[in-house]
Amino acid sequence: MTSDELIVLVESPSLVEAAHEPDLRDWVKQYPYFSQARMLWLRSALLATGGSVREEELEAAALQVNDLRQLFFYLYPEMLLSAEPTGFQRSERYTGSYFDILDAANAEGGETNESLRKIAQRLKESRSMMQKSEPPAVQLTETDEMEQQVRRLIQDANYRGAIEILKQLNLINPKKSIYFADQIRFLEKIIENIY
């Protein structure tokens, strides 16, 4: 196979036939990183063997392409025609709003209308109760309180006091020792530059 014939196959991969397999295999052996030749050879090998190729060859081709989906449809173009859309399609019957559901329940009749109204009323009552009630108090641990104190000291530019508390936190919580050590170093640098 000449290079001109190969170029024709690269430009029109649908022209690849099983008879091209030995020539394309030679191209792949001669130029192992020539990805287009490898894909053409895989396609011709699939046609020649009736759809079976060694797994190692597929893996080698997969390493040379950017998009595995493109490789799949290149090797199996008949699957592209039968591929279904992958996106979710919403039913045109409902848009998902409360009023659509209520209209559908009214159209069906029965007690669904009444039950939907009860559900809506309960939702409304629970929302109003949640807005009136105050959020539950969160209990802070000793380390949380100390960290908040460090933040306040830093905001007040009391860097020495913040360093002392960070040293205590470093001893209390060894899992965060790197974090506290970094903060201590940072505050020491600030003190060096200020004073």
Protein backbone atom coordinates (compact mmCIF):
# COMPACT_ATOMS: atom_id res chain seq x y z
CA MET A 1 0.00 0.00 0.00
CA THR A 2 1.38 3.35 -1.00
CA SER A 3 1.26 6.45 1.14
CA ASP A 4 -1.28 8.00 -1.26
CA GLU A 5 -3.60 5.03 -0.79
CA LEU A 6 -3.18 5.34 2.97
CA ILE A 7 -4.04 9.03 2.82
CA VAL A 8 -7.23 8.19 0.92
CA LEU A 9 -8.18 5.73 3.69
CA VAL A 10 -7.39 8.26 6.42
CA GLU A 11 -9.58 10.86 4.71
CA SER A 12 -12.39 8.33 4.05
CA PRO A 13 -12.27 5.60 6.70
CA SER A 14 -15.52 4.11 5.36
CA LEU A 15 -13.47 2.76 2.43
CA VAL A 16 -11.51 0.40 4.72
CA GLU A 17 -12.07 -3.25 3.84
CA ALA A 18 -10.88 -6.57 5.23
CA ALA A 19 -8.45 -6.88 2.30
CA HIS A 20 -6.51 -3.85 3.60
CA GLU A 21 -5.62 -5.63 6.87
CA PRO A 22 -2.13 -7.00 5.93
CA ASP A 23 -0.98 -3.71 4.41
CA LEU A 24 -2.23 -1.68 7.34
CA ARG A 25 -0.62 -4.13 9.78
CA ASP A 26 2.70 -3.44 8.03
CA TRP A 27 2.19 0.31 8.45
CA VAL A 28 1.50 -0.18 12.17
CA LYS A 29 4.62 -2.35 12.57
CA GLN A 30 6.73 0.20 10.76
CA TYR A 31 5.20 3.24 12.52
CA PRO A 32 3.84 2.06 15.91
CA TYR A 33 2.84 5.57 17.03
CA PHE A 34 0.92 6.44 13.88
CA SER A 35 -2.54 6.47 15.49
CA GLN A 36 -4.58 6.86 12.29
CA ALA A 37 -2.87 3.82 10.75
CA ARG A 38 -3.54 1.84 13.94
CA MET A 39 -7.22 2.74 13.92
CA LEU A 40 -7.52 1.89 10.23
CA TRP A 41 -5.77 -1.43 10.86
CA LEU A 42 -8.08 -2.22 13.79
CA ARG A 43 -11.10 -1.46 11.64
CA SER A 44 -9.83 -3.72 8.83
CA ALA A 45 -8.93 -6.46 11.35
CA LEU A 46 -12.45 -6.30 12.79
CA LEU A 47 -13.87 -6.70 9.30
CA ALA A 48 -11.48 -9.55 8.49
CA THR A 49 -12.07 -11.54 11.68
CA GLY A 50 -15.76 -10.87 12.01
CA GLY A 51 -15.51 -8.49 14.94
CA SER A 52 -12.77 -9.87 17.20
CA VAL A 53 -9.42 -8.26 17.88
CA ARG A 54 -6.87 -8.95 20.61
CA GLU A 55 -7.39 -6.91 23.73
CA GLU A 56 -3.78 -5.70 23.70
CA GLU A 57 -4.33 -4.08 20.31
CA LEU A 58 -7.43 -2.26 21.54
CA GLU A 59 -5.53 -1.05 24.60
CA ALA A 60 -2.68 0.22 22.42
CA ALA A 61 -5.15 2.11 20.24
CA ALA A 62 -6.95 3.49 23.31
CA LEU A 63 -3.67 4.99 24.53
CA GLN A 64 -3.21 6.92 21.30
CA VAL A 65 -6.62 8.57 21.01
CA ASN A 66 -8.05 11.50 22.93
CA ASP A 67 -11.64 10.34 22.99
CA LEU A 68 -12.48 6.67 23.62
CA ARG A 69 -16.04 7.27 22.51
CA GLN A 70 -14.75 8.47 19.14
CA LEU A 71 -12.57 5.35 18.86
CA PHE A 72 -15.54 3.11 19.63
CA PHE A 73 -17.71 4.70 16.95
CA TYR A 74 -14.78 4.70 14.54
CA LEU A 75 -14.40 0.95 14.97
CA TYR A 76 -18.13 0.25 15.09
CA PRO A 77 -19.78 2.92 12.89
CA GLU A 78 -23.02 0.94 12.74
CA MET A 79 -23.48 1.62 16.48
CA LEU A 80 -23.43 5.36 15.82
CA LEU A 81 -26.57 5.12 13.74
CA SER A 82 -28.42 3.14 16.38
CA ALA A 83 -27.19 5.13 19.37
CA GLU A 84 -30.01 6.63 21.37
CA PRO A 85 -29.78 10.13 22.79
CA THR A 86 -28.17 10.04 26.21
CA GLY A 87 -29.81 13.15 27.66
CA PHE A 88 -32.83 13.08 29.92
CA GLN A 89 -36.02 14.14 28.22
CA ARG A 90 -38.81 15.54 30.34
CA SER A 91 -42.33 14.39 29.74
CA GLU A 92 -44.30 17.13 28.04
CA ARG A 93 -47.26 16.33 30.26
CA TYR A 94 -45.68 17.93 33.34
CA THR A 95 -43.28 20.80 33.73
CA GLY A 96 -42.67 19.84 37.33
CA SER A 97 -44.45 22.74 39.00
CA TYR A 98 -46.96 22.38 41.80
CA PHE A 99 -49.75 23.71 39.61
CA ASP A 100 -49.20 21.03 36.95
CA ILE A 101 -49.52 18.34 39.59
CA LEU A 102 -52.63 19.99 40.98
CA ASP A 103 -54.18 20.28 37.48
CA ALA A 104 -53.42 16.61 36.81
CA ALA A 105 -55.03 15.62 40.11
CA ASN A 106 -58.10 17.73 39.32
CA ALA A 107 -58.41 16.13 35.89
CA GLU A 108 -58.31 12.65 37.40
CA GLY A 109 -60.95 13.55 39.97
CA GLY A 110 -61.47 11.74 43.24
CA GLU A 111 -59.85 12.67 46.52
CA THR A 112 -56.42 13.46 45.14
CA ASN A 113 -57.33 17.13 44.96
CA GLU A 114 -58.22 17.18 48.62
CA SER A 115 -55.10 15.23 49.64
CA LEU A 116 -52.86 17.59 47.65
CA ARG A 117 -54.41 20.55 49.40
CA LYS A 118 -53.80 18.93 52.78
CA ILE A 119 -50.19 18.25 51.88
CA ALA A 120 -49.71 21.83 50.71
CA GLN A 121 -51.29 23.14 53.92
CA ARG A 122 -49.01 20.97 56.08
CA LEU A 123 -45.96 22.14 54.12
CA LYS A 124 -46.99 25.76 54.61
CA GLU A 125 -47.50 25.22 58.36
CA SER A 126 -44.14 23.48 58.78
CA ARG A 127 -42.34 26.29 56.93
CA SER A 128 -43.89 28.92 59.15
CA MET A 129 -43.00 26.91 62.28
CA MET A 130 -39.40 26.57 61.15
CA GLN A 131 -39.13 30.30 60.50
CA LYS A 132 -40.51 31.15 63.96
CA SER A 133 -38.34 28.72 65.91
CA GLU A 134 -34.77 29.66 66.63
CA PRO A 135 -32.01 27.39 65.46
CA PRO A 136 -30.77 24.98 68.12
CA ALA A 137 -27.66 26.06 69.96
CA VAL A 138 -24.59 24.24 68.74
CA GLN A 139 -22.21 23.15 71.44
CA LEU A 140 -18.66 24.04 70.62
CA THR A 141 -15.80 21.87 71.71
CA GLU A 142 -12.84 23.32 73.57
CA THR A 143 -10.71 23.34 70.42
CA ASP A 144 -13.45 25.09 68.43
CA GLU A 145 -13.68 27.80 71.08
CA MET A 146 -9.90 28.18 71.09
CA GLU A 147 -9.82 28.47 67.29
CA GLN A 148 -12.47 31.18 67.41
CA GLN A 149 -10.44 32.97 70.05
CA VAL A 150 -7.39 32.78 67.75
CA ARG A 151 -9.41 34.38 64.95
CA ARG A 152 -10.52 37.20 67.23
CA LEU A 153 -6.96 37.80 68.43
CA ILE A 154 -5.68 37.94 64.84
CA GLN A 155 -8.42 40.41 63.91
CA ASP A 156 -7.36 42.53 66.89
CA ALA A 157 -3.71 42.26 65.73
CA ASN A 158 -2.74 40.44 68.95
CA TYR A 159 -0.46 38.02 67.13
CA ARG A 160 1.58 36.95 70.18
CA GLY A 161 -1.56 35.86 72.04
CA ALA A 162 -2.77 33.99 68.94
CA ILE A 163 0.58 32.17 68.73
CA GLU A 164 0.32 31.05 72.36
CA ILE A 165 -3.16 29.59 71.79
CA LEU A 166 -2.03 27.95 68.54
CA LYS A 167 0.83 26.27 70.41
CA GLN A 168 -1.69 24.87 72.91
CA LEU A 169 -3.93 23.70 70.05
CA ASN A 170 -0.92 22.06 68.44
CA LEU A 171 -0.40 19.98 71.59
CA ILE A 172 -4.11 19.18 72.03
CA ASN A 173 -4.82 18.16 68.44
CA PRO A 174 -1.83 16.36 66.88
CA LYS A 175 -3.77 15.53 63.70
CA LYS A 176 -3.75 19.21 62.77
CA SER A 177 -0.19 19.88 63.92
CA ILE A 178 0.99 20.81 60.42
CA TYR A 179 -1.89 23.27 60.04
CA PHE A 180 -1.19 24.91 63.39
CA ALA A 181 2.58 24.97 62.77
CA ASP A 182 2.02 26.75 59.46
CA GLN A 183 -0.19 29.33 61.13
CA ILE A 184 2.37 29.87 63.88
CA ARG A 185 5.15 30.40 61.29
CA PHE A 186 2.96 32.81 59.34
CA LEU A 187 2.15 34.87 62.43
CA GLU A 188 5.83 34.91 63.47
CA LYS A 189 6.72 36.30 60.02
CA ILE A 190 4.09 39.00 60.45
CA ILE A 191 5.54 39.91 63.86
CA GLU A 192 9.07 40.05 62.37
CA ASN A 193 7.92 42.41 59.61
CA ILE A 194 5.90 44.65 61.90
CA TYR A 195 8.28 45.03 64.82
